[in-house]
């Protein structure tokens, strides 16, 4: 069974950090482009950051550039999203997705790329 599980969400204050993890099971993770997406209440889902299968290419939404860093450890079947300097505007449910045969730019520019999706993890930034 193909499965992605996100973890690491929570409630933090503005300016603090969180690291999200996306762990895969049931498929060969190494061949997939992985993306982090988020959906705030009442808004469309948006691509936050995507990384190619080898970790050599990444892309970020303008709103998170310089604050978020995506990385992957294929030996652990896990992709990470390090989020620093969080603001209330980062509050959302964060999802990870895995897709094959797609560039990082194409994946992150699509709100719901076709592939395997996790159930999401809530990130709340509030004082």
PDB file of N, CA and C in Angstrom:
ATOM      1  N   UNK A   1       0.847  -1.194   0.000  1.00  0.00           N
ATOM      2  CA  UNK A   1       0.000   0.000   0.000  1.00  0.00           C
ATOM      3  C   UNK A   1       0.879   1.240   0.000  1.00  0.00           C
ATOM      4  N   UNK A   2       0.629   2.135  -0.967  1.00  0.00           N
ATOM      5  CA  UNK A   2       1.393   3.365  -1.049  1.00  0.00           C
ATOM      6  C   UNK A   2       0.904   4.326   0.022  1.00  0.00           C
ATOM      7  N   UNK A   3       1.836   4.862   0.792  1.00  0.00           N
ATOM      8  CA  UNK A   3       1.413   5.715   1.891  1.00  0.00           C
ATOM      9  C   UNK A   3       2.458   6.771   2.180  1.00  0.00           C
ATOM     10  N   UNK A   4       1.979   7.989   2.490  1.00  0.00           N
ATOM     11  CA  UNK A   4       2.827   9.072   2.977  1.00  0.00           C
ATOM     12  C   UNK A   4       2.268   9.527   4.313  1.00  0.00           C
ATOM     13  N   UNK A   5       3.138   9.747   5.267  1.00  0.00           N
ATOM     14  CA  UNK A   5       2.709  10.203   6.585  1.00  0.00           C
ATOM     15  C   UNK A   5       3.500  11.442   6.964  1.00  0.00           C
ATOM     16  N   UNK A   6       2.771  12.528   7.232  1.00  0.00           N
ATOM     17  CA  UNK A   6       3.411  13.761   7.673  1.00  0.00           C
ATOM     18  C   UNK A   6       3.446  13.805   9.199  1.00  0.00           C
ATOM     19  N   UNK A   7       4.462  14.470   9.728  1.00  0.00           N
ATOM     20  CA  UNK A   7       4.552  14.684  11.167  1.00  0.00           C
ATOM     21  C   UNK A   7       5.340  15.958  11.434  1.00  0.00           C
ATOM     22  N   UNK A   8       5.259  16.435  12.677  1.00  0.00           N
ATOM     23  CA  UNK A   8       6.053  17.589  13.071  1.00  0.00           C
ATOM     24  C   UNK A   8       5.282  18.880  13.197  1.00  0.00           C
ATOM     25  N   UNK A   9       4.003  18.857  12.866  1.00  0.00           N
ATOM     26  CA  UNK A   9       3.214  20.069  13.002  1.00  0.00           C
ATOM     27  C   UNK A   9       2.959  20.408  14.467  1.00  0.00           C
ATOM     28  N   UNK A  10       2.390  21.585  14.682  1.00  0.00           N
ATOM     29  CA  UNK A  10       2.082  21.983  16.049  1.00  0.00           C
ATOM     30  C   UNK A  10       1.757  23.452  16.140  1.00  0.00           C
ATOM     31  N   UNK A  11       1.684  23.914  17.382  1.00  0.00           N
ATOM     32  CA  UNK A  11       1.394  25.322  17.670  1.00  0.00           C
ATOM     33  C   UNK A  11       2.688  26.005  18.116  1.00  0.00           C
ATOM     34  N   UNK A  12       3.061  27.064  17.423  1.00  0.00           N
ATOM     35  CA  UNK A  12       4.259  27.817  17.779  1.00  0.00           C
ATOM     36  C   UNK A  12       3.949  29.307  17.747  1.00  0.00           C
ATOM     37  N   UNK A  13       4.844  30.081  18.344  1.00  0.00           N
ATOM     38  CA  UNK A  13       4.695  31.525  18.329  1.00  0.00           C
ATOM     39  C   UNK A  13       5.396  32.119  17.108  1.00  0.00           C
ATOM     40  N   UNK A  14       4.997  33.308  16.694  1.00  0.00           N
ATOM     41  CA  UNK A  14       5.678  33.958  15.575  1.00  0.00           C
ATOM     42  C   UNK A  14       7.182  34.058  15.824  1.00  0.00           C
ATOM     43  N   UNK A  15       7.947  33.773  14.769  1.00  0.00           N
ATOM     44  CA  UNK A  15       9.396  33.814  14.874  1.00  0.00           C
ATOM     45  C   UNK A  15      10.035  32.485  15.212  1.00  0.00           C
ATOM     46  N   UNK A  16       9.242  31.538  15.647  1.00  0.00           N
ATOM     47  CA  UNK A  16       9.783  30.224  16.008  1.00  0.00           C
ATOM     48  C   UNK A  16       9.895  29.317  14.781  1.00  0.00           C
ATOM     49  N   UNK A  17      10.388  28.101  15.029  1.00  0.00           N
ATOM     50  CA  UNK A  17      10.661  27.163  13.936  1.00  0.00           C
ATOM     51  C   UNK A  17       9.954  25.834  14.155  1.00  0.00           C
ATOM     52  N   UNK A  18       9.741  25.129  13.069  1.00  0.00           N
ATOM     53  CA  UNK A  18       9.246  23.756  13.091  1.00  0.00           C
ATOM     54  C   UNK A  18       9.930  22.988  11.969  1.00  0.00           C
ATOM     55  N   UNK A  19      10.056  21.675  12.155  1.00  0.00           N
ATOM     56  CA  UNK A  19      10.525  20.825  11.071  1.00  0.00           C
ATOM     57  C   UNK A  19       9.476  19.754  10.801  1.00  0.00           C
ATOM     58  N   UNK A  20       8.969  19.754   9.600  1.00  0.00           N
ATOM     59  CA  UNK A  20       8.007  18.742   9.189  1.00  0.00           C
ATOM     60  C   UNK A  20       8.735  17.587   8.519  1.00  0.00           C
ATOM     61  N   UNK A  21       8.189  16.394   8.713  1.00  0.00           N
ATOM     62  CA  UNK A  21       8.730  15.198   8.070  1.00  0.00           C
ATOM     63  C   UNK A  21       7.638  14.527   7.254  1.00  0.00           C
ATOM     64  N   UNK A  22       8.039  13.938   6.156  1.00  0.00           N
ATOM     65  CA  UNK A  22       7.125  13.188   5.287  1.00  0.00           C
ATOM     66  C   UNK A  22       7.790  11.859   5.000  1.00  0.00           C
ATOM     67  N   UNK A  23       7.229  10.799   5.556  1.00  0.00           N
ATOM     68  CA  UNK A  23       7.830   9.469   5.440  1.00  0.00           C
ATOM     69  C   UNK A  23       6.956   8.581   4.568  1.00  0.00           C
ATOM     70  N   UNK A  24       7.606   7.868   3.658  1.00  0.00           N
ATOM     71  CA  UNK A  24       6.887   7.042   2.692  1.00  0.00           C
ATOM     72  C   UNK A  24       7.025   5.568   3.007  1.00  0.00           C
ATOM     73  N   UNK A  25       6.022   4.825   2.600  1.00  0.00           N
ATOM     74  CA  UNK A  25       6.089   3.370   2.682  1.00  0.00           C
ATOM     75  C   UNK A  25       5.326   2.781   1.505  1.00  0.00           C
ATOM     76  N   UNK A  26       5.747   1.599   1.101  1.00  0.00           N
ATOM     77  CA  UNK A  26       5.022   0.897   0.049  1.00  0.00           C
ATOM     78  C   UNK A  26       5.443   1.212  -1.368  1.00  0.00           C
ATOM     79  N   UNK A  27       6.450   2.079  -1.543  1.00  0.00           N
ATOM     80  CA  UNK A  27       6.931   2.341  -2.884  1.00  0.00           C
ATOM     81  C   UNK A  27       8.371   2.825  -2.818  1.00  0.00           C
ATOM     82  N   UNK A  28       9.019   2.805  -3.989  1.00  0.00           N
ATOM     83  CA  UNK A  28      10.428   3.196  -4.052  1.00  0.00           C
ATOM     84  C   UNK A  28      10.500   4.718  -4.093  1.00  0.00           C
ATOM     85  N   UNK A  29      10.786   5.272  -2.959  1.00  0.00           N
ATOM     86  CA  UNK A  29      10.750   6.721  -2.760  1.00  0.00           C
ATOM     87  C   UNK A  29      11.727   7.455  -3.661  1.00  0.00           C
ATOM     88  N   UNK A  30      12.838   6.783  -3.934  1.00  0.00           N
ATOM     89  CA  UNK A  30      13.946   7.443  -4.619  1.00  0.00           C
ATOM     90  C   UNK A  30      13.558   7.995  -5.983  1.00  0.00           C
ATOM     91  N   UNK A  31      12.540   7.444  -6.636  1.00  0.00           N
ATOM     92  CA  UNK A  31      12.232   7.823  -8.010  1.00  0.00           C
ATOM     93  C   UNK A  31      11.220   8.954  -8.114  1.00  0.00           C
ATOM     94  N   UNK A  32      10.801   9.474  -6.978  1.00  0.00           N
ATOM     95  CA  UNK A  32       9.696  10.411  -6.977  1.00  0.00           C
ATOM     96  C   UNK A  32      10.123  11.828  -6.624  1.00  0.00           C
ATOM     97  N   UNK A  33       9.503  12.781  -7.289  1.00  0.00           N
ATOM     98  CA  UNK A  33       9.567  14.178  -6.868  1.00  0.00           C
ATOM     99  C   UNK A  33       8.602  14.333  -5.698  1.00  0.00           C
ATOM    100  N   UNK A  34       9.047  15.021  -4.671  1.00  0.00           N
ATOM    101  CA  UNK A  34       8.236  15.199  -3.465  1.00  0.00           C
ATOM    102  C   UNK A  34       7.936  16.682  -3.275  1.00  0.00           C
ATOM    103  N   UNK A  35       6.716  16.974  -2.927  1.00  0.00           N
ATOM    104  CA  UNK A  35       6.345  18.362  -2.702  1.00  0.00           C
ATOM    105  C   UNK A  35       5.624  18.557  -1.388  1.00  0.00           C
ATOM    106  N   UNK A  36       5.822  19.736  -0.813  1.00  0.00           N
ATOM    107  CA  UNK A  36       5.040  20.158   0.347  1.00  0.00           C
ATOM    108  C   UNK A  36       4.029  21.199  -0.124  1.00  0.00           C
ATOM    109  N   UNK A  37       2.806  21.022   0.279  1.00  0.00           N
ATOM    110  CA  UNK A  37       1.725  21.915  -0.065  1.00  0.00           C
ATOM    111  C   UNK A  37       1.042  22.345   1.224  1.00  0.00           C
ATOM    112  N   UNK A  38       0.323  23.463   1.162  1.00  0.00           N
ATOM    113  CA  UNK A  38      -0.415  23.876   2.344  1.00  0.00           C
ATOM    114  C   UNK A  38      -1.754  24.473   1.933  1.00  0.00           C
ATOM    115  N   UNK A  39      -2.685  24.348   2.843  1.00  0.00           N
ATOM    116  CA  UNK A  39      -4.011  24.899   2.610  1.00  0.00           C
ATOM    117  C   UNK A  39      -4.486  25.576   3.876  1.00  0.00           C
ATOM    118  N   UNK A  40      -4.605  26.890   3.795  1.00  0.00           N
ATOM    119  CA  UNK A  40      -5.145  27.666   4.908  1.00  0.00           C
ATOM    120  C   UNK A  40      -6.659  27.670   4.815  1.00  0.00           C
ATOM    121  N   UNK A  41      -7.297  27.928   5.922  1.00  0.00           N
ATOM    122  CA  UNK A  41      -8.753  27.927   5.973  1.00  0.00           C
ATOM    123  C   UNK A  41      -9.320  28.934   4.976  1.00  0.00           C
ATOM    124  N   UNK A  42     -10.207  28.469   4.107  1.00  0.00           N
ATOM    125  CA  UNK A  42     -10.843  29.338   3.131  1.00  0.00           C
ATOM    126  C   UNK A  42     -10.012  29.683   1.917  1.00  0.00           C
ATOM    127  N   UNK A  43      -8.844  29.075   1.793  1.00  0.00           N
ATOM    128  CA  UNK A  43      -7.959  29.379   0.665  1.00  0.00           C
ATOM    129  C   UNK A  43      -7.673  28.125  -0.154  1.00  0.00           C
ATOM    130  N   UNK A  44      -7.176  28.370  -1.353  1.00  0.00           N
ATOM    131  CA  UNK A  44      -6.780  27.264  -2.215  1.00  0.00           C
ATOM    132  C   UNK A  44      -5.488  26.626  -1.715  1.00  0.00           C
ATOM    133  N   UNK A  45      -5.336  25.338  -2.007  1.00  0.00           N
ATOM    134  CA  UNK A  45      -4.082  24.669  -1.689  1.00  0.00           C
ATOM    135  C   UNK A  45      -2.987  25.232  -2.581  1.00  0.00           C
ATOM    136  N   UNK A  46      -1.811  25.418  -2.020  1.00  0.00           N
ATOM    137  CA  UNK A  46      -0.698  25.977  -2.790  1.00  0.00           C
ATOM    138  C   UNK A  46       0.573  25.181  -2.571  1.00  0.00           C
ATOM    139  N   UNK A  47       1.408  25.173  -3.595  1.00  0.00           N
ATOM    140  CA  UNK A  47       2.702  24.525  -3.476  1.00  0.00           C
ATOM    141  C   UNK A  47       3.651  25.379  -2.666  1.00  0.00           C
ATOM    142  N   UNK A  48       4.293  24.792  -1.691  1.00  0.00           N
ATOM    143  CA  UNK A  48       5.231  25.491  -0.820  1.00  0.00           C
ATOM    144  C   UNK A  48       6.666  25.252  -1.271  1.00  0.00           C
ATOM    145  N   UNK A  49       7.007  23.985  -1.440  1.00  0.00           N
ATOM    146  CA  UNK A  49       8.368  23.640  -1.834  1.00  0.00           C
ATOM    147  C   UNK A  49       8.379  22.236  -2.409  1.00  0.00           C
ATOM    148  N   UNK A  50       9.205  22.018  -3.420  1.00  0.00           N
ATOM    149  CA  UNK A  50       9.317  20.711  -4.048  1.00  0.00           C
ATOM    150  C   UNK A  50      10.782  20.358  -4.252  1.00  0.00           C
ATOM    151  N   UNK A  51      11.059  19.056  -4.253  1.00  0.00           N
ATOM    152  CA  UNK A  51      12.435  18.572  -4.403  1.00  0.00           C
ATOM    153  C   UNK A  51      12.437  17.382  -5.345  1.00  0.00           C
ATOM    154  N   UNK A  52      13.443  17.314  -6.212  1.00  0.00           N
ATOM    155  CA  UNK A  52      13.464  16.207  -7.176  1.00  0.00           C
ATOM    156  C   UNK A  52      13.974  14.931  -6.502  1.00  0.00           C
ATOM    157  N   UNK A  53      14.004  13.860  -7.283  1.00  0.00           N
ATOM    158  CA  UNK A  53      14.260  12.528  -6.724  1.00  0.00           C
ATOM    159  C   UNK A  53      15.639  12.404  -6.072  1.00  0.00           C
ATOM    160  N   UNK A  54      16.600  13.136  -6.597  1.00  0.00           N
ATOM    161  CA  UNK A  54      17.959  13.043  -6.045  1.00  0.00           C
ATOM    162  C   UNK A  54      18.273  14.174  -5.073  1.00  0.00           C
ATOM    163  N   UNK A  55      17.354  15.105  -4.953  1.00  0.00           N
ATOM    164  CA  UNK A  55      17.595  16.227  -4.049  1.00  0.00           C
ATOM    165  C   UNK A  55      18.426  17.338  -4.642  1.00  0.00           C
ATOM    166  N   UNK A  56      18.703  17.250  -5.949  1.00  0.00           N
ATOM    167  CA  UNK A  56      19.551  18.249  -6.572  1.00  0.00           C
ATOM    168  C   UNK A  56      18.822  19.513  -6.986  1.00  0.00           C
ATOM    169  N   UNK A  57      17.548  19.421  -7.203  1.00  0.00           N
ATOM    170  CA  UNK A  57      16.754  20.581  -7.617  1.00  0.00           C
ATOM    171  C   UNK A  57      15.634  20.811  -6.622  1.00  0.00           C
ATOM    172  N   UNK A  58      15.466  22.056  -6.271  1.00  0.00           N
ATOM    173  CA  UNK A  58      14.402  22.434  -5.348  1.00  0.00           C
ATOM    174  C   UNK A  58      13.729  23.704  -5.862  1.00  0.00           C
ATOM    175  N   UNK A  59      12.535  23.942  -5.398  1.00  0.00           N
ATOM    176  CA  UNK A  59      11.841  25.179  -5.708  1.00  0.00           C
ATOM    177  C   UNK A  59      11.017  25.589  -4.500  1.00  0.00           C
ATOM    178  N   UNK A  60      10.811  26.895  -4.358  1.00  0.00           N
ATOM    179  CA  UNK A  60      10.088  27.427  -3.217  1.00  0.00           C
ATOM    180  C   UNK A  60       9.080  28.477  -3.661  1.00  0.00           C
ATOM    181  N   UNK A  61       7.980  28.548  -2.966  1.00  0.00           N
ATOM    182  CA  UNK A  61       7.047  29.656  -3.161  1.00  0.00           C
ATOM    183  C   UNK A  61       7.735  30.942  -2.702  1.00  0.00           C
ATOM    184  N   UNK A  62       7.410  32.046  -3.362  1.00  0.00           N
ATOM    185  CA  UNK A  62       8.032  33.327  -3.002  1.00  0.00           C
ATOM    186  C   UNK A  62       7.820  33.666  -1.536  1.00  0.00           C
ATOM    187  N   UNK A  63       6.678  33.287  -0.998  1.00  0.00           N
ATOM    188  CA  UNK A  63       6.332  33.644   0.377  1.00  0.00           C
ATOM    189  C   UNK A  63       7.194  32.947   1.423  1.00  0.00           C
ATOM    190  N   UNK A  64       7.902  31.893   1.034  1.00  0.00           N
ATOM    191  CA  UNK A  64       8.702  31.147   2.017  1.00  0.00           C
ATOM    192  C   UNK A  64      10.188  31.150   1.697  1.00  0.00           C
ATOM    193  N   UNK A  65      10.573  31.738   0.578  1.00  0.00           N
ATOM    194  CA  UNK A  65      11.986  31.766   0.209  1.00  0.00           C
ATOM    195  C   UNK A  65      12.813  32.438   1.293  1.00  0.00           C
ATOM    196  N   UNK A  66      13.925  31.812   1.633  1.00  0.00           N
ATOM    197  CA  UNK A  66      14.805  32.348   2.653  1.00  0.00           C
ATOM    198  C   UNK A  66      14.421  31.940   4.065  1.00  0.00           C
ATOM    199  N   UNK A  67      13.229  31.350   4.226  1.00  0.00           N
ATOM    200  CA  UNK A  67      12.782  30.924   5.562  1.00  0.00           C
ATOM    201  C   UNK A  67      12.623  29.410   5.659  1.00  0.00           C
ATOM    202  N   UNK A  68      12.205  28.784   4.569  1.00  0.00           N
ATOM    203  CA  UNK A  68      11.969  27.344   4.553  1.00  0.00           C
ATOM    204  C   UNK A  68      13.061  26.644   3.754  1.00  0.00           C
ATOM    205  N   UNK A  69      13.397  25.435   4.175  1.00  0.00           N
ATOM    206  CA  UNK A  69      14.371  24.617   3.459  1.00  0.00           C
ATOM    207  C   UNK A  69      13.848  23.194   3.346  1.00  0.00           C
ATOM    208  N   UNK A  70      13.834  22.684   2.114  1.00  0.00           N
ATOM    209  CA  UNK A  70      13.408  21.307   1.884  1.00  0.00           C
ATOM    210  C   UNK A  70      14.643  20.439   1.680  1.00  0.00           C
ATOM    211  N   UNK A  71      14.579  19.220   2.195  1.00  0.00           N
ATOM    212  CA  UNK A  71      15.674  18.278   2.013  1.00  0.00           C
ATOM    213  C   UNK A  71      15.109  16.869   2.046  1.00  0.00           C
ATOM    214  N   UNK A  72      15.925  15.912   1.622  1.00  0.00           N
ATOM    215  CA  UNK A  72      15.435  14.533   1.642  1.00  0.00           C
ATOM    216  C   UNK A  72      16.550  13.574   2.008  1.00  0.00           C
ATOM    217  N   UNK A  73      16.149  12.487   2.643  1.00  0.00           N
ATOM    218  CA  UNK A  73      17.050  11.397   2.985  1.00  0.00           C
ATOM    219  C   UNK A  73      16.408  10.139   2.431  1.00  0.00           C
ATOM    220  N   UNK A  74      16.851   9.737   1.245  1.00  0.00           N
ATOM    221  CA  UNK A  74      16.222   8.588   0.591  1.00  0.00           C
ATOM    222  C   UNK A  74      16.461   7.289   1.361  1.00  0.00           C
ATOM    223  N   UNK A  75      17.541   7.218   2.092  1.00  0.00           N
ATOM    224  CA  UNK A  75      17.805   6.008   2.886  1.00  0.00           C
ATOM    225  C   UNK A  75      16.746   5.833   3.970  1.00  0.00           C
ATOM    226  N   UNK A  76      16.154   6.959   4.387  1.00  0.00           N
ATOM    227  CA  UNK A  76      15.110   6.902   5.413  1.00  0.00           C
ATOM    228  C   UNK A  76      13.720   7.099   4.816  1.00  0.00           C
ATOM    229  N   UNK A  77      13.646   7.183   3.494  1.00  0.00           N
ATOM    230  CA  UNK A  77      12.359   7.408   2.829  1.00  0.00           C
ATOM    231  C   UNK A  77      11.641   8.635   3.387  1.00  0.00           C
ATOM    232  N   UNK A  78      12.405   9.676   3.667  1.00  0.00           N
ATOM    233  CA  UNK A  78      11.830  10.844   4.334  1.00  0.00           C
ATOM    234  C   UNK A  78      12.268  12.143   3.662  1.00  0.00           C
ATOM    235  N   UNK A  79      11.335  13.052   3.549  1.00  0.00           N
ATOM    236  CA  UNK A  79      11.596  14.418   3.101  1.00  0.00           C
ATOM    237  C   UNK A  79      11.247  15.356   4.243  1.00  0.00           C
ATOM    238  N   UNK A  80      12.073  16.357   4.433  1.00  0.00           N
ATOM    239  CA  UNK A  80      11.895  17.305   5.528  1.00  0.00           C
ATOM    240  C   UNK A  80      11.579  18.694   4.993  1.00  0.00           C
ATOM    241  N   UNK A  81      10.871  19.455   5.805  1.00  0.00           N
ATOM    242  CA  UNK A  81      10.657  20.874   5.527  1.00  0.00           C
ATOM    243  C   UNK A  81      11.005  21.630   6.800  1.00  0.00           C
ATOM    244  N   UNK A  82      12.157  22.274   6.787  1.00  0.00           N
ATOM    245  CA  UNK A  82      12.559  23.100   7.919  1.00  0.00           C
ATOM    246  C   UNK A  82      11.953  24.485   7.738  1.00  0.00           C
ATOM    247  N   UNK A  83      11.172  24.911   8.707  1.00  0.00           N
ATOM    248  CA  UNK A  83      10.460  26.177   8.616  1.00  0.00           C
ATOM    249  C   UNK A  83      10.941  27.104   9.731  1.00  0.00           C
ATOM    250  N   UNK A  84      11.571  28.182   9.338  1.00  0.00           N
ATOM    251  CA  UNK A  84      12.079  29.156  10.302  1.00  0.00           C
ATOM    252  C   UNK A  84      11.319  30.471  10.183  1.00  0.00           C
ATOM    253  N   UNK A  85      11.448  31.295  11.195  1.00  0.00           N
ATOM    254  CA  UNK A  85      10.821  32.624  11.199  1.00  0.00           C
ATOM    255  C   UNK A  85       9.353  32.555  10.809  1.00  0.00           C
ATOM    256  N   UNK A  86       8.641  31.662  11.445  1.00  0.00           N
ATOM    257  CA  UNK A  86       7.238  31.459  11.103  1.00  0.00           C
ATOM    258  C   UNK A  86       6.389  32.676  11.446  1.00  0.00           C
ATOM    259  N   UNK A  87       5.403  32.914  10.621  1.00  0.00           N
ATOM    260  CA  UNK A  87       4.462  34.012  10.830  1.00  0.00           C
ATOM    261  C   UNK A  87       3.038  33.452  10.857  1.00  0.00           C
ATOM    262  N   UNK A  88       2.088  34.220  11.352  1.00  0.00           N
ATOM    263  CA  UNK A  88       0.698  33.732  11.351  1.00  0.00           C
ATOM    264  C   UNK A  88       0.201  33.366   9.955  1.00  0.00           C
ATOM    265  N   UNK A  89       0.765  33.993   8.921  1.00  0.00           N
ATOM    266  CA  UNK A  89       0.364  33.690   7.543  1.00  0.00           C
ATOM    267  C   UNK A  89       0.791  32.284   7.109  1.00  0.00           C
ATOM    268  N   UNK A  90       1.652  31.648   7.866  1.00  0.00           N
ATOM    269  CA  UNK A  90       2.069  30.274   7.573  1.00  0.00           C
ATOM    270  C   UNK A  90       1.111  29.244   8.162  1.00  0.00           C
ATOM    271  N   UNK A  91       0.134  29.703   8.915  1.00  0.00           N
ATOM    272  CA  UNK A  91      -0.840  28.784   9.517  1.00  0.00           C
ATOM    273  C   UNK A  91      -1.633  28.077   8.430  1.00  0.00           C
ATOM    274  N   UNK A  92      -1.630  26.763   8.461  1.00  0.00           N
ATOM    275  CA  UNK A  92      -2.309  25.965   7.435  1.00  0.00           C
ATOM    276  C   UNK A  92      -2.162  24.489   7.766  1.00  0.00           C
ATOM    277  N   UNK A  93      -2.884  23.665   7.027  1.00  0.00           N
ATOM    278  CA  UNK A  93      -2.605  22.237   7.031  1.00  0.00           C
ATOM    279  C   UNK A  93      -1.553  22.000   5.954  1.00  0.00           C
ATOM    280  N   UNK A  94      -0.489  21.319   6.329  1.00  0.00           N
ATOM    281  CA  UNK A  94       0.603  21.040   5.404  1.00  0.00           C
ATOM    282  C   UNK A  94       0.523  19.583   4.955  1.00  0.00           C
ATOM    283  N   UNK A  95       0.577  19.405   3.648  1.00  0.00           N
ATOM    284  CA  UNK A  95       0.509  18.083   3.045  1.00  0.00           C
ATOM    285  C   UNK A  95       1.792  17.814   2.259  1.00  0.00           C
ATOM    286  N   UNK A  96       2.177  16.546   2.202  1.00  0.00           N
ATOM    287  CA  UNK A  96       3.227  16.178   1.261  1.00  0.00           C
ATOM    288  C   UNK A  96       2.628  15.271   0.192  1.00  0.00           C
ATOM    289  N   UNK A  97       3.260  15.313  -0.966  1.00  0.00           N
ATOM    290  CA  UNK A  97       2.797  14.524  -2.100  1.00  0.00           C
ATOM    291  C   UNK A  97       4.001  13.997  -2.852  1.00  0.00           C
ATOM    292  N   UNK A  98       3.819  12.851  -3.471  1.00  0.00           N
ATOM    293  CA  UNK A  98       4.866  12.222  -4.268  1.00  0.00           C
ATOM    294  C   UNK A  98       4.338  11.985  -5.668  1.00  0.00           C
ATOM    295  N   UNK A  99       5.126  12.362  -6.660  1.00  0.00           N
ATOM    296  CA  UNK A  99       4.716  12.182  -8.044  1.00  0.00           C
ATOM    297  C   UNK A  99       5.939  11.819  -8.867  1.00  0.00           C
ATOM    298  N   UNK A 100       5.723  11.079  -9.928  1.00  0.00           N
ATOM    299  CA  UNK A 100       6.827  10.689 -10.805  1.00  0.00           C
ATOM    300  C   UNK A 100       6.692  11.385 -12.147  1.00  0.00           C
ATOM    301  N   UNK A 101       7.805  11.528 -12.833  1.00  0.00           N
ATOM    302  CA  UNK A 101       7.797  12.094 -14.173  1.00  0.00           C
ATOM    303  C   UNK A 101       7.380  13.544 -14.229  1.00  0.00           C
ATOM    304  N   UNK A 102       7.752  14.311 -13.225  1.00  0.00           N
ATOM    305  CA  UNK A 102       7.360  15.719 -13.180  1.00  0.00           C
ATOM    306  C   UNK A 102       8.499  16.534 -12.603  1.00  0.00           C
ATOM    307  N   UNK A 103       8.683  17.738 -13.133  1.00  0.00           N
ATOM    308  CA  UNK A 103       9.735  18.595 -12.605  1.00  0.00           C
ATOM    309  C   UNK A 103       9.260  19.261 -11.318  1.00  0.00           C
ATOM    310  N   UNK A 104      10.223  19.786 -10.559  1.00  0.00           N
ATOM    311  CA  UNK A 104       9.855  20.460  -9.316  1.00  0.00           C
ATOM    312  C   UNK A 104       9.005  21.693  -9.608  1.00  0.00           C
ATOM    313  N   UNK A 105       9.327  22.397 -10.705  1.00  0.00           N
ATOM    314  CA  UNK A 105       8.555  23.596 -11.039  1.00  0.00           C
ATOM    315  C   UNK A 105       7.118  23.232 -11.393  1.00  0.00           C
ATOM    316  N   UNK A 106       6.957  22.196 -12.202  1.00  0.00           N
ATOM    317  CA  UNK A 106       5.605  21.796 -12.607  1.00  0.00           C
ATOM    318  C   UNK A 106       4.808  21.297 -11.408  1.00  0.00           C
ATOM    319  N   UNK A 107       5.454  20.557 -10.530  1.00  0.00           N
ATOM    320  CA  UNK A 107       4.728  20.000  -9.389  1.00  0.00           C
ATOM    321  C   UNK A 107       4.278  21.107  -8.449  1.00  0.00           C
ATOM    322  N   UNK A 108       5.152  22.024  -8.142  1.00  0.00           N
ATOM    323  CA  UNK A 108       4.812  23.054  -7.173  1.00  0.00           C
ATOM    324  C   UNK A 108       3.897  24.133  -7.735  1.00  0.00           C
ATOM    325  N   UNK A 109       3.768  24.203  -9.051  1.00  0.00           N
ATOM    326  CA  UNK A 109       2.885  25.207  -9.634  1.00  0.00           C
ATOM    327  C   UNK A 109       1.452  24.692  -9.751  1.00  0.00           C
ATOM    328  N   UNK A 110       1.262  23.422  -9.432  1.00  0.00           N
ATOM    329  CA  UNK A 110      -0.067  22.802  -9.495  1.00  0.00           C
ATOM    330  C   UNK A 110      -0.587  22.624  -8.083  1.00  0.00           C
ATOM    331  N   UNK A 111      -1.820  23.004  -7.831  1.00  0.00           N
ATOM    332  CA  UNK A 111      -2.339  22.920  -6.466  1.00  0.00           C
ATOM    333  C   UNK A 111      -2.566  21.482  -6.016  1.00  0.00           C
ATOM    334  N   UNK A 112      -2.910  20.606  -6.959  1.00  0.00           N
ATOM    335  CA  UNK A 112      -3.180  19.208  -6.603  1.00  0.00           C
ATOM    336  C   UNK A 112      -2.608  18.275  -7.652  1.00  0.00           C
ATOM    337  N   UNK A 113      -1.283  18.169  -7.723  1.00  0.00           N
ATOM    338  CA  UNK A 113      -0.685  17.267  -8.703  1.00  0.00           C
ATOM    339  C   UNK A 113      -1.109  15.827  -8.459  1.00  0.00           C
ATOM    340  N   UNK A 114      -1.192  15.085  -9.514  1.00  0.00           N
ATOM    341  CA  UNK A 114      -1.614  13.690  -9.416  1.00  0.00           C
ATOM    342  C   UNK A 114      -0.482  12.872  -8.809  1.00  0.00           C
ATOM    343  N   UNK A 115      -0.801  12.093  -7.774  1.00  0.00           N
ATOM    344  CA  UNK A 115       0.224  11.293  -7.128  1.00  0.00           C
ATOM    345  C   UNK A 115      -0.283  10.768  -5.798  1.00  0.00           C
ATOM    346  N   UNK A 116       0.645  10.423  -4.945  1.00  0.00           N
ATOM    347  CA  UNK A 116       0.318   9.917  -3.613  1.00  0.00           C
ATOM    348  C   UNK A 116       0.339  11.091  -2.635  1.00  0.00           C
ATOM    349  N   UNK A 117      -0.681  11.174  -1.800  1.00  0.00           N
ATOM    350  CA  UNK A 117      -0.794  12.277  -0.853  1.00  0.00           C
ATOM    351  C   UNK A 117      -0.862  11.755   0.577  1.00  0.00           C
ATOM    352  N   UNK A 118      -0.315  12.545   1.484  1.00  0.00           N
ATOM    353  CA  UNK A 118      -0.477  12.261   2.897  1.00  0.00           C
ATOM    354  C   UNK A 118      -1.755  12.884   3.423  1.00  0.00           C
ATOM    355  N   UNK A 119      -2.014  12.673   4.712  1.00  0.00           N
ATOM    356  CA  UNK A 119      -3.248  13.162   5.330  1.00  0.00           C
ATOM    357  C   UNK A 119      -3.116  14.586   5.848  1.00  0.00           C
ATOM    358  N   UNK A 120      -1.913  15.076   5.956  1.00  0.00           N
ATOM    359  CA  UNK A 120      -1.710  16.449   6.394  1.00  0.00           C
ATOM    360  C   UNK A 120      -1.365  16.568   7.865  1.00  0.00           C
ATOM    361  N   UNK A 121      -0.687  17.671   8.194  1.00  0.00           N
ATOM    362  CA  UNK A 121      -0.361  17.987   9.578  1.00  0.00           C
ATOM    363  C   UNK A 121      -0.613  19.480   9.785  1.00  0.00           C
ATOM    364  N   UNK A 122      -1.243  19.799  10.909  1.00  0.00           N
ATOM    365  CA  UNK A 122      -1.634  21.191  11.176  1.00  0.00           C
ATOM    366  C   UNK A 122      -0.451  21.981  11.717  1.00  0.00           C
ATOM    367  N   UNK A 123      -0.245  23.151  11.135  1.00  0.00           N
ATOM    368  CA  UNK A 123       0.734  24.111  11.649  1.00  0.00           C
ATOM    369  C   UNK A 123      -0.014  25.381  12.016  1.00  0.00           C
ATOM    370  N   UNK A 124       0.095  25.788  13.261  1.00  0.00           N
ATOM    371  CA  UNK A 124      -0.556  26.999  13.725  1.00  0.00           C
ATOM    372  C   UNK A 124       0.485  27.926  14.328  1.00  0.00           C
ATOM    373  N   UNK A 125       0.520  29.150  13.817  1.00  0.00           N
ATOM    374  CA  UNK A 125       1.463  30.148  14.310  1.00  0.00           C
ATOM    375  C   UNK A 125       0.646  31.272  14.934  1.00  0.00           C
ATOM    376  N   UNK A 126       0.757  31.395  16.238  1.00  0.00           N
ATOM    377  CA  UNK A 126      -0.069  32.362  16.953  1.00  0.00           C
ATOM    378  C   UNK A 126       0.598  32.756  18.254  1.00  0.00           C
ATOM    379  N   UNK A 127       0.406  34.010  18.624  1.00  0.00           N
ATOM    380  CA  UNK A 127       0.923  34.471  19.906  1.00  0.00           C
ATOM    381  C   UNK A 127      -0.148  34.351  20.982  1.00  0.00           C
TER     382      UNK A 127
END
